[in-house]
Amino acid sequence: MDVPGYLQALSLAEARTDAGQWAQAVTLWQRVTEQNPVNGNHWDRLAQAQYESGDYAAALGATVAHVEHIADAGLLGGGGDTASYQPVRVLAKAFGGSGDQSGTPALTPVPQELIATIEARFRTTDVSLPSA
């Protein structure tokens, strides 16, 4: 990763977001998420910028991509432990538009097709976290 380029893009993305310059923020947050796709905050900020610029489908896509990265890392309940993963709760939180996620579009109730897609992705994820 080009660390100086990443840090510059991150700084500019935050500045454009703070200034409400949503179109520029979208471009910058896309660059930031490409360079560091594992930071969930970056995906949230991309979704916020897309939402604020009126691109609701892209905002939803960024939020789904964030959930997929979590699934890929095996963090939706831990390596196939479906008992601790509740897709309806996770997705409702992601798409509920709660006060702490003001940039996330509300999608309630969460469509069953979306739940099934994310749940299928989770079930195929075979990543185990190291034991403590």
Protein backbone atom coordinates (compact mmCIF):
# COMPACT_ATOMS: atom_id res chain seq x y z
CA MET A 1 0.00 0.00 0.00
CA ASP A 2 1.12 3.53 -0.78
CA VAL A 3 0.92 4.80 2.80
CA PRO A 4 1.60 8.49 2.06
CA GLY A 5 -0.99 8.43 -0.76
CA TYR A 6 -3.50 6.67 1.49
CA LEU A 7 -3.01 9.17 4.31
CA GLN A 8 -3.35 12.08 1.89
CA ALA A 9 -6.56 10.65 0.40
CA LEU A 10 -7.91 10.00 3.91
CA SER A 11 -7.17 13.55 5.02
CA LEU A 12 -8.79 15.02 1.89
CA ALA A 13 -11.81 12.72 2.21
CA GLU A 14 -12.37 13.81 5.81
CA ALA A 15 -12.00 17.48 4.84
CA ARG A 16 -14.47 17.19 1.94
CA THR A 17 -16.91 15.31 4.17
CA ASP A 18 -16.65 17.95 6.90
CA ALA A 19 -17.25 20.66 4.28
CA GLY A 20 -20.28 18.85 2.85
CA GLN A 21 -18.64 18.56 -0.57
CA TRP A 22 -20.26 15.21 -1.20
CA ALA A 23 -19.33 14.50 -4.83
CA GLN A 24 -15.64 15.08 -4.09
CA ALA A 25 -15.94 13.13 -0.84
CA VAL A 26 -17.39 10.12 -2.70
CA THR A 27 -14.41 9.98 -5.06
CA LEU A 28 -11.95 10.28 -2.20
CA TRP A 29 -13.67 7.73 0.05
CA GLN A 30 -13.74 5.29 -2.87
CA ARG A 31 -9.97 5.70 -3.16
CA VAL A 32 -9.56 5.26 0.59
CA THR A 33 -11.66 2.06 0.69
CA GLU A 34 -9.73 0.63 -2.27
CA GLN A 35 -6.47 1.19 -0.42
CA ASN A 36 -7.74 0.03 2.98
CA PRO A 37 -10.86 -2.13 2.57
CA VAL A 38 -10.76 -3.55 6.10
CA ASN A 39 -11.48 -0.31 7.95
CA GLY A 40 -15.23 -0.28 8.52
CA ASN A 41 -15.32 3.42 9.30
CA HIS A 42 -14.10 4.16 5.78
CA TRP A 43 -17.03 2.19 4.30
CA ASP A 44 -19.45 4.03 6.58
CA ARG A 45 -18.07 7.39 5.46
CA LEU A 46 -18.28 6.33 1.78
CA ALA A 47 -21.91 5.31 2.30
CA GLN A 48 -22.62 8.62 4.03
CA ALA A 49 -21.09 10.63 1.16
CA GLN A 50 -23.01 8.61 -1.43
CA TYR A 51 -26.24 9.00 0.51
CA GLU A 52 -25.77 12.74 0.95
CA SER A 53 -25.04 13.13 -2.76
CA GLY A 54 -28.33 11.35 -3.52
CA ASP A 55 -26.90 8.04 -4.74
CA TYR A 56 -28.91 5.81 -2.41
CA ALA A 57 -28.20 2.57 -4.30
CA ALA A 58 -24.45 3.16 -4.08
CA ALA A 59 -24.77 3.95 -0.37
CA LEU A 60 -26.55 0.64 0.13
CA GLY A 61 -23.85 -1.10 -1.90
CA ALA A 62 -21.08 0.39 0.24
CA THR A 63 -22.85 -0.78 3.37
CA VAL A 64 -23.26 -4.29 1.96
CA ALA A 65 -19.56 -4.30 0.96
CA HIS A 66 -18.71 -3.40 4.56
CA VAL A 67 -20.77 -6.35 5.84
CA GLU A 68 -19.11 -8.62 3.25
CA HIS A 69 -15.65 -7.61 4.45
CA ILE A 70 -16.71 -8.46 7.98
CA ALA A 71 -17.96 -11.84 6.75
CA ASP A 72 -14.74 -12.46 4.82
CA ALA A 73 -12.78 -11.85 8.00
CA GLY A 74 -14.95 -14.37 9.86
CA LEU A 75 -16.21 -11.75 12.30
CA LEU A 76 -19.96 -12.26 11.92
CA GLY A 77 -20.01 -14.79 14.68
CA GLY A 78 -16.74 -16.59 14.27
CA GLY A 79 -15.97 -19.18 11.59
CA GLY A 80 -19.39 -20.69 10.95
CA ASP A 81 -20.90 -20.30 14.42
CA THR A 82 -24.35 -19.48 13.10
CA ALA A 83 -25.86 -19.51 16.59
CA SER A 84 -24.13 -16.24 17.44
CA TYR A 85 -24.78 -14.60 14.07
CA GLN A 86 -28.23 -13.14 13.59
CA PRO A 87 -28.45 -11.61 10.10
CA VAL A 88 -31.69 -9.76 10.76
CA ARG A 89 -30.18 -7.98 13.77
CA VAL A 90 -26.87 -7.20 12.04
CA LEU A 91 -28.53 -5.89 8.88
CA ALA A 92 -31.22 -3.98 10.74
CA LYS A 93 -28.48 -2.23 12.69
CA ALA A 94 -26.52 -1.52 9.49
CA PHE A 95 -29.53 -0.23 7.55
CA GLY A 96 -31.71 1.09 10.34
CA GLY A 97 -30.59 4.70 10.05
CA SER A 98 -30.14 5.01 13.81
CA GLY A 99 -28.84 8.18 15.42
CA ASP A 100 -25.25 6.96 15.58
CA GLN A 101 -25.22 6.17 11.86
CA SER A 102 -26.70 9.34 10.43
CA GLY A 103 -25.14 8.76 7.03
CA THR A 104 -26.60 5.29 6.60
CA PRO A 105 -29.86 5.07 4.66
CA ALA A 106 -32.80 3.54 6.50
CA LEU A 107 -33.99 0.22 5.10
CA THR A 108 -36.62 -1.18 7.39
CA PRO A 109 -37.62 -3.85 7.29
CA VAL A 110 -34.51 -5.38 5.78
CA PRO A 111 -35.48 -7.32 2.62
CA GLN A 112 -35.39 -11.10 3.02
CA GLU A 113 -33.38 -11.45 -0.20
CA LEU A 114 -30.62 -9.28 1.25
CA ILE A 115 -30.66 -11.25 4.49
CA ALA A 116 -30.40 -14.52 2.55
CA THR A 117 -27.48 -13.22 0.47
CA ILE A 118 -25.47 -12.07 3.48
CA GLU A 119 -26.33 -15.20 5.46
CA ALA A 120 -25.19 -17.41 2.56
CA ARG A 121 -21.93 -15.46 2.40
CA PHE A 122 -21.48 -15.96 6.13
CA ARG A 123 -22.11 -19.69 5.96
CA THR A 124 -19.46 -20.10 3.23
CA THR A 125 -16.88 -18.14 5.21
CA ASP A 126 -14.44 -20.58 6.77
CA VAL A 127 -12.11 -18.34 8.74
CA SER A 128 -11.18 -19.18 12.29
CA LEU A 129 -9.87 -16.61 14.69
CA PRO A 130 -6.82 -17.53 16.80
CA SER A 131 -7.60 -18.88 20.24
CA ALA A 132 -6.74 -16.70 23.20
